[in-house]
C-alpha atoms as a PDB file:
ATOM      1  CA  MET A   1      95.281 104.085 118.055  1.00  0.00           C
ATOM      2  CA  LEU A   2      93.260 100.900 118.230  1.00  0.00           C
ATOM      3  CA  LYS A   3      90.416 102.791 116.787  1.00  0.00           C
ATOM      4  CA  ARG A   4      92.318 103.601 113.477  1.00  0.00           C
ATOM      5  CA  LEU A   5      94.138  99.384 113.941  1.00  0.00           C
ATOM      6  CA  PHE A   6      89.998  98.493 113.893  1.00  0.00           C
ATOM      7  CA  GLY A   7      89.148 100.473 111.190  1.00  0.00           C
ATOM      8  CA  GLY A   8      92.107  99.400 109.252  1.00  0.00           C
ATOM      9  CA  LEU A   9      91.938  95.518 109.723  1.00  0.00           C
ATOM     10  CA  LYS A  10      88.014  95.922 108.640  1.00  0.00           C
ATOM     11  CA  LYS A  11      88.508  93.864 105.141  1.00  0.00           C
ATOM     12  CA  THR A  12      90.516  91.140 106.702  1.00  0.00           C
ATOM     13  CA  ARG A  13      88.383  90.554 109.896  1.00  0.00           C
ATOM     14  CA  ASP A  14      85.496  90.437 107.273  1.00  0.00           C
ATOM     15  CA  SER A  15      86.903  87.728 105.558  1.00  0.00           C
ATOM     16  CA  LEU A  16      88.661  85.716 108.103  1.00  0.00           C
ATOM     17  CA  VAL A  17      86.631  86.556 111.243  1.00  0.00           C
ATOM     18  CA  VAL A  18      83.306  86.723 110.193  1.00  0.00           C
ATOM     19  CA  GLY A  19      83.314  83.480 108.335  1.00  0.00           C
ATOM     20  CA  MET A  20      85.174  81.747 111.458  1.00  0.00           C
ATOM     21  CA  ARG A  21      82.559  83.186 113.496  1.00  0.00           C
ATOM     22  CA  LYS A  22      79.661  81.355 111.528  1.00  0.00           C
ATOM     23  CA  LEU A  23      81.711  78.140 110.687  1.00  0.00           C
ATOM     24  CA  LEU A  24      81.976  77.865 114.530  1.00  0.00           C
ATOM     25  CA  GLY A  25      78.276  78.032 115.365  1.00  0.00           C
ATOM     26  CA  SER A  26      77.977  74.386 115.465  1.00  0.00           C
ATOM     27  CA  ASP A  27      78.110  71.980 118.555  1.00  0.00           C
ATOM     28  CA  THR A  28      81.029  70.053 117.297  1.00  0.00           C
ATOM     29  CA  LEU A  29      84.173  70.661 116.294  1.00  0.00           C
ATOM     30  CA  ASP A  30      85.212  67.698 113.341  1.00  0.00           C
ATOM     31  CA  ASP A  31      87.528  67.347 111.266  1.00  0.00           C
ATOM     32  CA  ALA A  32      85.048  68.361 108.236  1.00  0.00           C
ATOM     33  CA  THR A  33      84.697  71.994 110.482  1.00  0.00           C
ATOM     34  CA  LEU A  34      88.633  72.229 110.883  1.00  0.00           C
ATOM     35  CA  ASP A  35      89.684  71.449 107.440  1.00  0.00           C
ATOM     36  CA  GLN A  36      87.062  75.017 106.379  1.00  0.00           C
ATOM     37  CA  MET A  37      88.843  76.573 108.765  1.00  0.00           C
ATOM     38  CA  GLU A  38      91.864  76.127 107.410  1.00  0.00           C
ATOM     39  CA  GLU A  39      91.181  77.038 104.335  1.00  0.00           C
ATOM     40  CA  LEU A  40      89.132  80.580 106.064  1.00  0.00           C
ATOM     41  CA  LEU A  41      93.634  81.355 107.367  1.00  0.00           C
ATOM     42  CA  TYR A  42      94.692  80.914 103.731  1.00  0.00           C
ATOM     43  CA  THR A  43      92.341  83.431 102.488  1.00  0.00           C
ATOM     44  CA  ALA A  44      93.713  85.778 104.711  1.00  0.00           C
ATOM     45  CA  ASP A  45      96.657  85.117 103.257  1.00  0.00           C
ATOM     46  CA  LEU A  46      98.769  83.764 106.530  1.00  0.00           C
ATOM     47  CA  GLY A  47     100.553  81.148 103.592  1.00  0.00           C
ATOM     48  CA  PRO A  48     102.128  78.986 105.662  1.00  0.00           C
ATOM     49  CA  ALA A  49     101.347  80.581 109.063  1.00  0.00           C
ATOM     50  CA  ALA A  50      97.973  78.847 108.521  1.00  0.00           C
ATOM     51  CA  ALA A  51      99.151  75.360 108.356  1.00  0.00           C
ATOM     52  CA  ASP A  52     101.460  76.290 111.867  1.00  0.00           C
ATOM     53  CA  LEU A  53      98.254  77.269 113.427  1.00  0.00           C
ATOM     54  CA  MET A  54      96.010  74.396 112.037  1.00  0.00           C
ATOM     55  CA  ASP A  55      98.684  71.838 113.473  1.00  0.00           C
ATOM     56  CA  ALA A  56      98.488  73.639 116.420  1.00  0.00           C
ATOM     57  CA  LEU A  57      94.520  73.310 117.134  1.00  0.00           C
ATOM     58  CA  ARG A  58      94.594  69.970 115.964  1.00  0.00           C
ATOM     59  CA  LYS A  59      97.299  68.532 118.366  1.00  0.00           C
ATOM     60  CA  ALA A  60      95.448  70.596 121.356  1.00  0.00           C
ATOM     61  CA  ARG A  61      91.886  68.963 120.041  1.00  0.00           C
ATOM     62  CA  ALA A  62      93.783  65.857 120.650  1.00  0.00           C
ATOM     63  CA  ALA A  63      95.300  66.145 124.031  1.00  0.00           C
ATOM     64  CA  GLY A  64      91.530  67.519 125.453  1.00  0.00           C
ATOM     65  CA  GLU A  65      92.546  70.997 125.691  1.00  0.00           C
ATOM     66  CA  VAL A  66      90.202  72.741 122.775  1.00  0.00           C
ATOM     67  CA  THR A  67      87.144  70.527 122.433  1.00  0.00           C
ATOM     68  CA  GLU A  68      84.488  73.005 121.825  1.00  0.00           C
ATOM     69  CA  PRO A  69      84.129  75.456 118.601  1.00  0.00           C
ATOM     70  CA  ALA A  70      83.756  78.356 121.300  1.00  0.00           C
ATOM     71  CA  GLN A  71      87.339  77.771 122.716  1.00  0.00           C
ATOM     72  CA  VAL A  72      88.680  78.022 119.004  1.00  0.00           C
ATOM     73  CA  GLU A  73      88.863  81.283 118.430  1.00  0.00           C
ATOM     74  CA  PRO A  74      90.549  82.287 122.001  1.00  0.00           C
ATOM     75  CA  PHE A  75      92.675  79.852 121.023  1.00  0.00           C
ATOM     76  CA  LEU A  76      93.968  81.269 118.004  1.00  0.00           C
ATOM     77  CA  ARG A  77      93.989  84.422 119.227  1.00  0.00           C
ATOM     78  CA  ASP A  78      97.112  83.428 121.391  1.00  0.00           C
ATOM     79  CA  GLN A  79      98.793  81.493 118.693  1.00  0.00           C
ATOM     80  CA  ILE A  80      99.020  84.046 116.416  1.00  0.00           C
ATOM     81  CA  VAL A  81      99.901  86.797 118.898  1.00  0.00           C
ATOM     82  CA  ASP A  82     102.852  84.574 120.454  1.00  0.00           C
ATOM     83  CA  MET A  83     103.507  84.146 116.528  1.00  0.00           C
ATOM     84  CA  LEU A  84     104.007  88.054 116.158  1.00  0.00           C
ATOM     85  CA  GLY A  85     106.804  87.856 118.849  1.00  0.00           C
ATOM     86  CA  ASP A  86     106.799  91.058 121.203  1.00  0.00           C
ATOM     87  CA  ASP A  87     108.952  93.114 119.419  1.00  0.00           C
ATOM     88  CA  VAL A  88     108.823  97.426 119.358  1.00  0.00           C
ATOM     89  CA  ALA A  89     110.919  99.757 117.770  1.00  0.00           C
ATOM     90  CA  ASP A  90     113.597 101.424 119.692  1.00  0.00           C
ATOM     91  CA  THR A  91     114.131 105.094 118.511  1.00  0.00           C
ATOM     92  CA  PRO A  92     116.429 106.202 121.665  1.00  0.00           C
ATOM     93  CA  VAL A  93     116.885 109.932 122.369  1.00  0.00           C
ATOM     94  CA  GLY A  94     120.152 111.099 123.681  1.00  0.00           C
ATOM     95  CA  SER A  95     122.413 109.781 122.306  1.00  0.00           C
ATOM     96  CA  GLY A  96     123.168 112.041 118.735  1.00  0.00           C
ATOM     97  CA  PRO A  97     121.291 111.408 115.869  1.00  0.00           C
ATOM     98  CA  ARG A  98     119.682 107.733 115.384  1.00  0.00           C
ATOM     99  CA  VAL A  99     119.851 106.600 111.477  1.00  0.00           C
ATOM    100  CA  VAL A 100     117.309 104.637 109.648  1.00  0.00           C
ATOM    101  CA  LEU A 101     117.251 103.762 106.038  1.00  0.00           C
ATOM    102  CA  VAL A 102     114.826 103.130 104.301  1.00  0.00           C
ATOM    103  CA  VAL A 103     114.449 100.745 101.665  1.00  0.00           C
ATOM    104  CA  GLY A 104     111.919  98.824  99.383  1.00  0.00           C
ATOM    105  CA  VAL A 105     110.578  97.911  95.802  1.00  0.00           C
ATOM    106  CA  ASN A 106     108.825 100.762  93.547  1.00  0.00           C
ATOM    107  CA  GLY A 107     105.164 101.355  94.325  1.00  0.00           C
ATOM    108  CA  SER A 108     105.769  99.575  98.556  1.00  0.00           C
ATOM    109  CA  GLY A 109     104.732 102.823  99.378  1.00  0.00           C
ATOM    110  CA  LYS A 110     108.132 104.144 100.458  1.00  0.00           C
ATOM    111  CA  THR A 111     108.287 107.535 100.479  1.00  0.00           C
ATOM    112  CA  THR A 112     104.706 108.241 101.724  1.00  0.00           C
ATOM    113  CA  THR A 113     106.050 105.846 104.949  1.00  0.00           C
ATOM    114  CA  ILE A 114     108.847 108.072 105.694  1.00  0.00           C
ATOM    115  CA  ALA A 115     106.912 110.846 105.736  1.00  0.00           C
ATOM    116  CA  LYS A 116     103.745 109.477 108.181  1.00  0.00           C
ATOM    117  CA  LEU A 117     107.176 108.348 110.001  1.00  0.00           C
ATOM    118  CA  ALA A 118     108.783 111.326 110.779  1.00  0.00           C
ATOM    119  CA  GLN A 119     105.130 112.547 111.600  1.00  0.00           C
ATOM    120  CA  LEU A 120     104.940 110.351 114.606  1.00  0.00           C
ATOM    121  CA  LEU A 121     108.404 111.361 115.215  1.00  0.00           C
ATOM    122  CA  LYS A 122     106.895 113.937 115.390  1.00  0.00           C
ATOM    123  CA  ARG A 123     104.132 113.301 118.223  1.00  0.00           C
ATOM    124  CA  GLU A 124     106.502 111.726 119.999  1.00  0.00           C
ATOM    125  CA  GLY A 125     108.347 114.295 120.945  1.00  0.00           C
ATOM    126  CA  ARG A 126     111.509 114.126 118.655  1.00  0.00           C
ATOM    127  CA  SER A 127     113.549 116.223 116.426  1.00  0.00           C
ATOM    128  CA  VAL A 128     113.110 114.638 112.769  1.00  0.00           C
ATOM    129  CA  MET A 129     115.623 115.227 109.738  1.00  0.00           C
ATOM    130  CA  LEU A 130     114.787 113.541 106.158  1.00  0.00           C
ATOM    131  CA  ALA A 131     117.827 112.688 103.129  1.00  0.00           C
ATOM    132  CA  ALA A 132     116.246 112.699 100.016  1.00  0.00           C
ATOM    133  CA  CYS A 133     118.634 110.135  97.999  1.00  0.00           C
ATOM    134  CA  ASP A 134     116.263 108.457  95.604  1.00  0.00           C
ATOM    135  CA  THR A 135     118.332 111.184  93.300  1.00  0.00           C
ATOM    136  CA  PHE A 136     117.080 108.698  90.286  1.00  0.00           C
ATOM    137  CA  ARG A 137     113.980 110.321  90.062  1.00  0.00           C
ATOM    138  CA  ALA A 138     113.069 114.312  90.614  1.00  0.00           C
ATOM    139  CA  ALA A 139     109.567 113.288  91.429  1.00  0.00           C
ATOM    140  CA  ALA A 140     110.655 111.469  94.846  1.00  0.00           C
ATOM    141  CA  VAL A 141     112.513 114.420  96.243  1.00  0.00           C
ATOM    142  CA  GLU A 142     109.584 116.424  95.421  1.00  0.00           C
ATOM    143  CA  GLN A 143     106.864 114.393  97.103  1.00  0.00           C
ATOM    144  CA  LEU A 144     109.394 114.194  99.890  1.00  0.00           C
ATOM    145  CA  GLY A 145     110.064 117.924  99.595  1.00  0.00           C
ATOM    146  CA  VAL A 146     105.840 118.460  99.319  1.00  0.00           C
ATOM    147  CA  TRP A 147     105.917 116.214 102.506  1.00  0.00           C
ATOM    148  CA  ALA A 148     108.755 118.207 104.451  1.00  0.00           C
ATOM    149  CA  ASP A 149     107.368 121.096 104.343  1.00  0.00           C
ATOM    150  CA  ARG A 150     104.091 120.136 105.167  1.00  0.00           C
ATOM    151  CA  LEU A 151     105.146 118.403 108.289  1.00  0.00           C
ATOM    152  CA  GLU A 152     107.645 120.938 108.839  1.00  0.00           C
ATOM    153  CA  VAL A 153     110.865 118.962 109.223  1.00  0.00           C
ATOM    154  CA  ARG A 154     114.469 119.722 107.443  1.00  0.00           C
ATOM    155  CA  ILE A 155     115.002 118.035 104.391  1.00  0.00           C
ATOM    156  CA  VAL A 156     118.633 117.903 102.675  1.00  0.00           C
ATOM    157  CA  LYS A 157     118.027 117.240  98.963  1.00  0.00           C
ATOM    158  CA  ARG A 158     120.030 117.571  95.432  1.00  0.00           C
ATOM    159  CA  GLU A 159     119.137 118.009  91.931  1.00  0.00           C
ATOM    160  CA  THR A 160     118.652 114.849  89.772  1.00  0.00           C
ATOM    161  CA  GLY A 161     121.512 111.945  89.021  1.00  0.00           C
ATOM    162  CA  ALA A 162     123.196 113.384  92.254  1.00  0.00           C
ATOM    163  CA  ASP A 163     125.197 111.063  94.183  1.00  0.00           C
ATOM    164  CA  PRO A 164     123.528 109.163  96.767  1.00  0.00           C
ATOM    165  CA  SER A 165     125.662 107.945  98.785  1.00  0.00           C
ATOM    166  CA  GLY A 166     127.618 111.678  98.926  1.00  0.00           C
ATOM    167  CA  LEU A 167     123.545 113.419  99.801  1.00  0.00           C
ATOM    168  CA  ALA A 168     123.752 110.698 102.605  1.00  0.00           C
ATOM    169  CA  PHE A 169     127.123 111.697 104.509  1.00  0.00           C
ATOM    170  CA  ASP A 170     126.093 115.692 104.280  1.00  0.00           C
ATOM    171  CA  ALA A 171     122.527 114.397 105.843  1.00  0.00           C
ATOM    172  CA  ALA A 172     124.408 112.621 108.443  1.00  0.00           C
ATOM    173  CA  ASP A 173     126.757 115.528 108.786  1.00  0.00           C
ATOM    174  CA  ALA A 174     123.977 118.474 109.272  1.00  0.00           C
ATOM    175  CA  ALA A 175     122.037 115.892 111.788  1.00  0.00           C
ATOM    176  CA  GLN A 176     125.286 115.590 113.712  1.00  0.00           C
ATOM    177  CA  ARG A 177     125.750 118.899 113.739  1.00  0.00           C
ATOM    178  CA  GLU A 178     122.167 120.528 114.505  1.00  0.00           C
ATOM    179  CA  ASP A 179     121.455 117.645 116.981  1.00  0.00           C
ATOM    180  CA  ILE A 180     119.055 116.036 115.352  1.00  0.00           C
ATOM    181  CA  ASP A 181     116.707 112.989 117.192  1.00  0.00           C
ATOM    182  CA  VAL A 182     115.868 111.084 114.094  1.00  0.00           C
ATOM    183  CA  LEU A 183     118.036 111.002 110.766  1.00  0.00           C
ATOM    184  CA  LEU A 184     114.869 109.677 107.765  1.00  0.00           C
ATOM    185  CA  VAL A 185     116.593 108.553 104.759  1.00  0.00           C
ATOM    186  CA  ASP A 186     114.632 107.519 101.604  1.00  0.00           C
ATOM    187  CA  THR A 187     116.443 105.552  99.343  1.00  0.00           C
ATOM    188  CA  ALA A 188     115.877 105.167  95.682  1.00  0.00           C
ATOM    189  CA  GLY A 189     113.172 101.681  94.970  1.00  0.00           C
ATOM    190  CA  ARG A 190     114.527  98.699  93.231  1.00  0.00           C
ATOM    191  CA  LEU A 191     113.688  95.393  92.759  1.00  0.00           C
ATOM    192  CA  HIS A 192     114.767  92.715  94.627  1.00  0.00           C
ATOM    193  CA  THR A 193     116.589  91.722  91.975  1.00  0.00           C
ATOM    194  CA  ALA A 194     119.021  95.053  90.829  1.00  0.00           C
ATOM    195  CA  THR A 195     122.332  93.649  91.967  1.00  0.00           C
ATOM    196  CA  ASN A 196     123.413  96.989  91.323  1.00  0.00           C
ATOM    197  CA  LEU A 197     121.266  98.790  92.936  1.00  0.00           C
ATOM    198  CA  MET A 198     121.229  96.789  95.839  1.00  0.00           C
ATOM    199  CA  ALA A 199     125.309  96.846  96.135  1.00  0.00           C
ATOM    200  CA  GLU A 200     124.449 100.661  96.441  1.00  0.00           C
ATOM    201  CA  LEU A 201     122.321 100.395  99.620  1.00  0.00           C
ATOM    202  CA  VAL A 202     125.567  98.853 101.080  1.00  0.00           C
ATOM    203  CA  LYS A 203     127.586 101.770 100.014  1.00  0.00           C
ATOM    204  CA  ILE A 204     125.245 104.407 101.622  1.00  0.00           C
ATOM    205  CA  GLY A 205     125.619 102.852 104.795  1.00  0.00           C
ATOM    206  CA  ARG A 206     129.137 102.425 104.996  1.00  0.00           C
ATOM    207  CA  VAL A 207     129.147 105.857 103.942  1.00  0.00           C
ATOM    208  CA  ILE A 208     126.851 107.345 106.706  1.00  0.00           C
ATOM    209  CA  SER A 209     128.680 105.289 109.456  1.00  0.00           C
ATOM    210  CA  LYS A 210     131.827 107.238 108.058  1.00  0.00           C
ATOM    211  CA  ARG A 211     129.885 110.379 110.034  1.00  0.00           C
ATOM    212  CA  ILE A 212     127.751 108.599 112.398  1.00  0.00           C
ATOM    213  CA  PRO A 213     129.310 106.037 113.686  1.00  0.00           C
ATOM    214  CA  GLY A 214     127.250 102.405 114.325  1.00  0.00           C
ATOM    215  CA  ALA A 215     125.004 103.623 111.282  1.00  0.00           C
ATOM    216  CA  PRO A 216     122.282 103.442 110.083  1.00  0.00           C
ATOM    217  CA  HIS A 217     120.736 102.125 113.584  1.00  0.00           C
ATOM    218  CA  GLU A 218     117.877 100.716 111.934  1.00  0.00           C
ATOM    219  CA  VAL A 219     117.221  99.167 108.284  1.00  0.00           C
ATOM    220  CA  LEU A 220     113.625  99.841 107.312  1.00  0.00           C
ATOM    221  CA  LEU A 221     112.250  97.747 104.342  1.00  0.00           C
ATOM    222  CA  VAL A 222     108.584  98.628 103.741  1.00  0.00           C
ATOM    223  CA  LEU A 223     106.348  96.345 102.171  1.00  0.00           C
ATOM    224  CA  ASP A 224     103.132  96.724 100.715  1.00  0.00           C
ATOM    225  CA  GLY A 225     100.341  94.931 102.217  1.00  0.00           C
ATOM    226  CA  THR A 226      98.022  94.013  98.999  1.00  0.00           C
ATOM    227  CA  THR A 227     100.883  91.892  97.813  1.00  0.00           C
ATOM    228  CA  GLY A 228     100.598  89.374 100.661  1.00  0.00           C
ATOM    229  CA  GLN A 229     102.484  86.186 100.233  1.00  0.00           C
ATOM    230  CA  ASN A 230     104.921  87.690  97.251  1.00  0.00           C
ATOM    231  CA  ALA A 231     106.441  90.652  99.565  1.00  0.00           C
ATOM    232  CA  ILE A 232     107.950  87.161 101.183  1.00  0.00           C
ATOM    233  CA  ALA A 233     110.647  86.540  97.873  1.00  0.00           C
ATOM    234  CA  GLN A 234     111.472  90.236  97.766  1.00  0.00           C
ATOM    235  CA  ALA A 235     112.040  90.995 101.446  1.00  0.00           C
ATOM    236  CA  ARG A 236     114.617  87.806 101.676  1.00  0.00           C
ATOM    237  CA  GLU A 237     116.875  88.736  98.739  1.00  0.00           C
ATOM    238  CA  PHE A 238     116.372  92.279 100.640  1.00  0.00           C
ATOM    239  CA  LYS A 239     117.583  90.416 103.683  1.00  0.00           C
ATOM    240  CA  GLN A 240     120.520  89.036 101.996  1.00  0.00           C
ATOM    241  CA  ALA A 241     121.732  92.111 100.691  1.00  0.00           C
ATOM    242  CA  VAL A 242     121.966  94.610 103.290  1.00  0.00           C
ATOM    243  CA  ALA A 243     121.057  94.227 107.285  1.00  0.00           C
ATOM    244  CA  VAL A 244     117.253  94.575 107.456  1.00  0.00           C
ATOM    245  CA  THR A 245     116.530  95.259 110.851  1.00  0.00           C
ATOM    246  CA  GLY A 246     112.522  95.355 111.016  1.00  0.00           C
ATOM    247  CA  LEU A 247     109.363  95.833 108.649  1.00  0.00           C
ATOM    248  CA  VAL A 248     106.790  98.318 107.806  1.00  0.00           C
ATOM    249  CA  VAL A 249     103.727  97.303 106.408  1.00  0.00           C
ATOM    250  CA  THR A 250     101.941  99.032 104.294  1.00  0.00           C
ATOM    251  CA  LYS A 251      98.547  99.824 102.777  1.00  0.00           C
ATOM    252  CA  LEU A 252      96.685  97.115 105.325  1.00  0.00           C
ATOM    253  CA  ASP A 253      93.295  99.057 104.749  1.00  0.00           C
ATOM    254  CA  GLY A 254      93.171  98.342 101.379  1.00  0.00           C
ATOM    255  CA  THR A 255      93.343  94.042 101.453  1.00  0.00           C
ATOM    256  CA  ALA A 256      91.935  91.175 102.648  1.00  0.00           C
ATOM    257  CA  LYS A 257      94.956  89.763 103.599  1.00  0.00           C
ATOM    258  CA  GLY A 258      96.554  91.491 106.548  1.00  0.00           C
ATOM    259  CA  GLY A 259      97.235  87.934 107.756  1.00  0.00           C
ATOM    260  CA  ALA A 260      99.677  88.238 105.749  1.00  0.00           C
ATOM    261  CA  VAL A 261     101.479  90.319 108.371  1.00  0.00           C
ATOM    262  CA  VAL A 262     101.757  87.246 110.953  1.00  0.00           C
ATOM    263  CA  SER A 263     103.660  85.509 107.703  1.00  0.00           C
ATOM    264  CA  ILE A 264     106.107  87.669 107.206  1.00  0.00           C
ATOM    265  CA  ARG A 265     106.663  87.890 110.210  1.00  0.00           C
ATOM    266  CA  ARG A 266     107.039  83.876 110.878  1.00  0.00           C
ATOM    267  CA  GLN A 267     108.747  82.991 107.596  1.00  0.00           C
ATOM    268  CA  LEU A 268     111.248  85.946 107.889  1.00  0.00           C
ATOM    269  CA  ASP A 269     112.420  85.878 111.786  1.00  0.00           C
ATOM    270  CA  LEU A 270     112.287  89.633 111.632  1.00  0.00           C
ATOM    271  CA  PRO A 271     109.830  91.837 113.400  1.00  0.00           C
ATOM    272  CA  VAL A 272     107.495  94.730 112.359  1.00  0.00           C
ATOM    273  CA  ARG A 273     108.215  97.729 113.405  1.00  0.00           C
ATOM    274  CA  PHE A 274     105.143  99.639 112.156  1.00  0.00           C
ATOM    275  CA  ILE A 275     101.822  99.573 109.445  1.00  0.00           C
ATOM    276  CA  GLY A 276     100.234 101.631 107.710  1.00  0.00           C
ATOM    277  CA  LEU A 277      96.441 101.790 107.320  1.00  0.00           C
ATOM    278  CA  GLY A 278      95.509 104.667 105.492  1.00  0.00           C
ATOM    279  CA  GLU A 279      96.568 107.837 102.794  1.00  0.00           C
ATOM    280  CA  GLY A 280      96.479 110.469 106.445  1.00  0.00           C
ATOM    281  CA  ALA A 281      99.985 111.503 107.648  1.00  0.00           C
ATOM    282  CA  ASP A 282      98.227 110.116 110.872  1.00  0.00           C
ATOM    283  CA  ASP A 283      97.963 106.440 109.872  1.00  0.00           C
ATOM    284  CA  LEU A 284     101.264 105.189 110.608  1.00  0.00           C
ATOM    285  CA  GLU A 285     101.557 102.846 113.484  1.00  0.00           C
ATOM    286  CA  ARG A 286     104.304 101.394 115.598  1.00  0.00           C
ATOM    287  CA  PHE A 287     103.230  97.802 115.666  1.00  0.00           C
ATOM    288  CA  ALA A 288     102.048  96.215 118.360  1.00  0.00           C
ATOM    289  CA  PRO A 289     100.884  92.317 118.428  1.00  0.00           C
ATOM    290  CA  ALA A 290      98.762  92.162 121.259  1.00  0.00           C
ATOM    291  CA  ALA A 291      97.014  95.123 119.963  1.00  0.00           C
ATOM    292  CA  PHE A 292      96.507  94.203 116.419  1.00  0.00           C
ATOM    293  CA  VAL A 293      95.071  90.824 117.293  1.00  0.00           C
ATOM    294  CA  GLU A 294      92.421  92.163 119.152  1.00  0.00           C
ATOM    295  CA  ALA A 295      91.728  94.818 116.405  1.00  0.00           C
ATOM    296  CA  LEU A 296      91.962  91.631 114.116  1.00  0.00           C
ATOM    297  CA  PHE A 297      89.704  89.815 116.024  1.00  0.00           C
ATOM    298  CA  ASP A 298      86.815  92.020 117.701  1.00  0.00           C
ATOM    299  CA  GLY A 299      84.229  93.194 116.030  1.00  0.00           C
END
């Protein structure tokens, strides 16, 4: 996992850490150096988290806890790990199907993420079923169907235009009957401002719960990591409409803005469950804060 993380975060590491080490190559830790450090943190799209980190660093310097440039990086590493928290995705086995509803805007990588998540769960020994509830786009159903064939997992799908809630109920029923460990429910990509489509998400969740009490057990919001701070507004609207329980941040391998993961976690108070680091079926990882920070800094 660390090897994939290391490769996926290369652009962010080159932008942030390499610049930081050049900046901290001097013998003094003065105000000018700290100001330049703050600029670097914003460049990596840490957003408001950058200000929080620098406030903590300046207080530590004033208190005599950080007095030399060499102490800055270890201090920031510890601070970022604390900001990211220690949440882990919870997908227990043995108590009936665990239902994961996956939501997000168009273009966030939602459908591909579902396929990657199915692959990850299979690697962990879980049985998986897919529900193709993005019935508005034939291409979405076809794409998920191709992935299901490739990964050899069961998929429940209907014709274009079918009722997503009815399909979700049928999938929940099938998952229950077939003793599936995890049911992954794809939903139509939508703008966070589309009130009617947001209401549909709520309905899907309500209908599933009639077949499997307590479902959906997880509502994962997929965010495009390349959009950086712009993902925050989307996430806030989704969070208001549906009970989002965790985040998946995708496409981190294609951006120097990987620091947005820290900002997203801090501003939304939602755990990052998974991160996407490439296009392959295996390029999704459970998010581990300590490993993420290690891969970000160790270069």
